Amino acid sequence: MSTDDTLLETLLAALRVCKLDAVVIRNTAAILHGVPVTTLDADLLVRDSKVTDRKLLDVATRLGAVVTSPFEPLSSVRRLQGFELPIDVMLPPSGRFRFEALMSRAESIPVGREMARVASLADVIEMKRAADRPKDRAVLPILEAALQVQRARRATP
C-alpha cells in the first residue's frame, strides 16, 4: 500500500469513527476508480446536518488537523489543515449534486481495511463540467475515456 493509500485509509477510519457520512469526489474519486490522474489533496462531499460541523471537528482532531474556511464567503468549502494529506470538505450544493443523489450512485471501494464511498465516474465528470475551470477541462478527455472503458467492461459478461 502506498503512503497516499495509508493516509486515505486513516482519513476514512476517522470518518467512520466520527460517523461523518462522506462521498469521495473529484480527482480523488477518479484515482480510486483507477483513472491515471493526479491530485495533491483529498476531496470529500459530506452530508450537511445540524451536527456536521461538530463531526468535522472530531475528524480533524483525530487527524491532528484544524478546520479552516479559506474561501468564505464565496464557498462553503472547509479545509482540514495539519494532516499529512490536505483535505477539502464540501457541503452539498443544491441541485443535481445533492449529497443523497451522489451517495445513491456512489460505489464502495476498499482502501486498506476501510471502505470508501466514491462518487461514480459519471458524477465526477459532471462535477468537472459544472466547475468549468481550466484544470477540470484539461482532465475531462481522460475521465471520459476511462468511463467508456468502465462501461465496456461492465457490459461484457
Protein backbone atom coordinates (compact mmCIF):
# COMPACT_ATOMS: atom_id res chain seq x y z
CA MET A 1 0.00 0.00 0.00
CA SER A 2 1.35 3.44 -0.92
CA THR A 3 1.74 6.32 1.50
CA ASP A 4 -1.21 8.05 -0.16
CA ASP A 5 -3.37 4.95 0.36
CA THR A 6 -2.31 4.77 4.01
CA LEU A 7 -3.22 8.44 4.53
CA LEU A 8 -6.57 7.95 2.80
CA GLU A 9 -7.23 4.86 4.92
CA THR A 10 -6.51 6.91 8.06
CA LEU A 11 -8.94 9.60 6.87
CA LEU A 12 -11.63 7.02 6.10
CA ALA A 13 -11.19 5.45 9.56
CA ALA A 14 -11.63 8.87 11.19
CA LEU A 15 -14.79 9.49 9.15
CA ARG A 16 -16.17 6.09 10.20
CA VAL A 17 -15.36 6.50 13.90
CA CYS A 18 -16.83 10.03 13.96
CA LYS A 19 -19.87 8.88 11.96
CA LEU A 20 -19.47 11.60 9.32
CA ASP A 21 -21.11 10.48 6.08
CA ALA A 22 -18.92 11.40 3.12
CA VAL A 23 -18.54 10.70 -0.58
CA VAL A 24 -15.07 10.89 -2.13
CA ILE A 25 -15.26 13.24 -5.13
CA ARG A 26 -13.17 14.96 -7.84
CA ASN A 27 -9.76 13.55 -8.82
CA THR A 28 -9.51 11.56 -5.59
CA ALA A 29 -12.57 9.61 -6.73
CA ALA A 30 -11.16 9.24 -10.23
CA ILE A 31 -7.93 7.80 -8.84
CA LEU A 32 -9.87 5.27 -6.75
CA HIS A 33 -11.68 4.25 -9.95
CA GLY A 34 -8.24 3.56 -11.48
CA VAL A 35 -8.05 6.64 -13.71
CA PRO A 36 -4.45 7.82 -14.30
CA VAL A 37 -4.80 11.37 -12.94
CA THR A 38 -3.11 13.13 -10.04
CA THR A 39 -4.15 15.30 -7.14
CA LEU A 40 -2.46 16.95 -4.21
CA ASP A 41 -5.37 16.59 -1.80
CA ALA A 42 -8.41 14.52 -0.89
CA ASP A 43 -11.84 15.88 -1.76
CA LEU A 44 -14.99 14.93 0.09
CA LEU A 45 -18.64 15.86 -0.07
CA VAL A 46 -20.33 15.47 3.33
CA ARG A 47 -23.92 15.28 4.43
CA ASP A 48 -24.97 18.70 5.73
CA SER A 49 -26.84 18.41 9.02
CA LYS A 50 -27.03 20.13 12.39
CA VAL A 51 -24.09 18.03 13.63
CA THR A 52 -21.84 18.22 10.56
CA ASP A 53 -19.57 20.93 11.98
CA ARG A 54 -19.11 19.03 15.26
CA LYS A 55 -18.37 15.77 13.45
CA LEU A 56 -15.95 17.52 11.11
CA LEU A 57 -14.15 18.98 14.12
CA ASP A 58 -13.99 15.48 15.65
CA VAL A 59 -12.46 14.12 12.43
CA ALA A 60 -9.92 16.95 12.35
CA THR A 61 -8.98 16.33 15.98
CA ARG A 62 -8.43 12.61 15.30
CA LEU A 63 -6.16 13.53 12.39
CA GLY A 64 -4.25 16.22 14.31
CA ALA A 65 -5.67 18.85 11.97
CA VAL A 66 -7.71 22.02 12.24
CA VAL A 67 -10.77 23.06 10.25
CA THR A 68 -10.48 26.28 8.26
CA SER A 69 -12.81 28.07 5.87
CA PRO A 70 -10.32 29.57 3.40
CA PHE A 71 -12.80 30.56 0.70
CA GLU A 72 -15.63 32.16 2.69
CA PRO A 73 -17.89 33.88 1.87
CA LEU A 74 -17.53 32.66 -1.72
CA SER A 75 -17.62 28.96 -0.95
CA SER A 76 -18.76 26.52 1.73
CA VAL A 77 -15.53 24.51 1.39
CA ARG A 78 -13.88 23.56 4.66
CA ARG A 79 -10.22 22.61 4.65
CA LEU A 80 -8.58 20.27 7.14
CA GLN A 81 -5.03 21.50 7.59
CA GLY A 82 -2.26 19.92 9.61
CA PHE A 83 -2.74 16.33 8.47
CA GLU A 84 -0.17 14.95 6.02
CA LEU A 85 -2.78 14.95 3.26
CA PRO A 86 -4.64 18.22 2.62
CA ILE A 87 -8.39 17.58 2.77
CA ASP A 88 -11.07 19.74 1.17
CA VAL A 89 -14.57 19.10 2.50
CA MET A 90 -17.55 20.43 0.59
CA LEU A 91 -21.03 20.88 1.90
CA PRO A 92 -23.52 19.81 -0.74
CA PRO A 93 -24.76 22.42 -3.16
CA SER A 94 -28.37 22.34 -4.24
CA GLY A 95 -29.47 20.74 -7.46
CA ARG A 96 -28.03 17.71 -9.17
CA PHE A 97 -25.02 17.33 -6.88
CA ARG A 98 -27.03 16.82 -3.69
CA PHE A 99 -25.37 14.50 -1.19
CA GLU A 100 -28.16 11.93 -1.28
CA ALA A 101 -28.08 11.78 -5.08
CA LEU A 102 -24.31 11.32 -5.23
CA MET A 103 -24.37 8.77 -2.40
CA SER A 104 -27.09 6.75 -4.15
CA ARG A 105 -24.83 6.34 -7.20
CA ALA A 106 -21.55 6.02 -5.28
CA GLU A 107 -19.51 2.83 -5.31
CA SER A 108 -17.86 1.18 -2.33
CA ILE A 109 -14.14 0.79 -2.99
CA PRO A 110 -11.73 -0.76 -0.47
CA VAL A 111 -8.79 1.31 0.73
CA GLY A 112 -6.72 -0.83 3.07
CA ARG A 113 -9.05 -2.04 5.82
CA GLU A 114 -11.58 0.74 5.17
CA MET A 115 -14.31 1.18 2.58
CA ALA A 116 -14.62 4.44 0.67
CA ARG A 117 -17.92 5.63 -0.76
CA VAL A 118 -16.71 7.00 -4.09
CA ALA A 119 -18.67 9.18 -6.50
CA SER A 120 -19.42 7.43 -9.76
CA LEU A 121 -17.12 8.30 -12.63
CA ALA A 122 -20.12 9.79 -14.47
CA ASP A 123 -20.77 12.09 -11.48
CA VAL A 124 -17.08 13.08 -11.31
CA ILE A 125 -17.28 14.07 -14.98
CA GLU A 126 -20.47 16.07 -14.46
CA MET A 127 -18.94 17.88 -11.48
CA LYS A 128 -15.84 18.71 -13.56
CA ARG A 129 -18.02 20.04 -16.38
CA ALA A 130 -20.04 22.15 -13.96
CA ALA A 131 -16.90 23.59 -12.33
CA ASP A 132 -15.59 24.52 -15.79
CA ARG A 133 -12.14 25.54 -14.56
CA PRO A 134 -9.13 25.09 -16.88
CA LYS A 135 -7.76 22.27 -14.72
CA ASP A 136 -11.14 20.50 -14.85
CA ARG A 137 -11.49 20.89 -18.62
CA ALA A 138 -7.94 19.53 -19.07
CA VAL A 139 -8.72 16.23 -17.35
CA LEU A 140 -12.12 15.63 -18.99
CA PRO A 141 -10.82 13.63 -22.00
CA ILE A 142 -9.01 11.22 -19.67
CA LEU A 143 -12.06 10.81 -17.44
CA GLU A 144 -14.40 10.32 -20.41
CA ALA A 145 -12.13 7.68 -21.94
CA ALA A 146 -11.95 5.88 -18.59
CA LEU A 147 -15.74 5.95 -18.30
CA GLN A 148 -16.07 4.36 -21.76
CA VAL A 149 -13.67 1.59 -20.72
CA GLN A 150 -15.53 1.11 -17.43
CA ARG A 151 -18.88 0.84 -19.22
CA ALA A 152 -17.48 -1.59 -21.81
CA ARG A 153 -16.10 -3.83 -19.05
CA ARG A 154 -19.41 -3.86 -17.22
CA ALA A 155 -21.28 -4.69 -20.44
CA THR A 156 -19.05 -7.70 -21.11
CA PRO A 157 -20.33 -10.86 -19.37
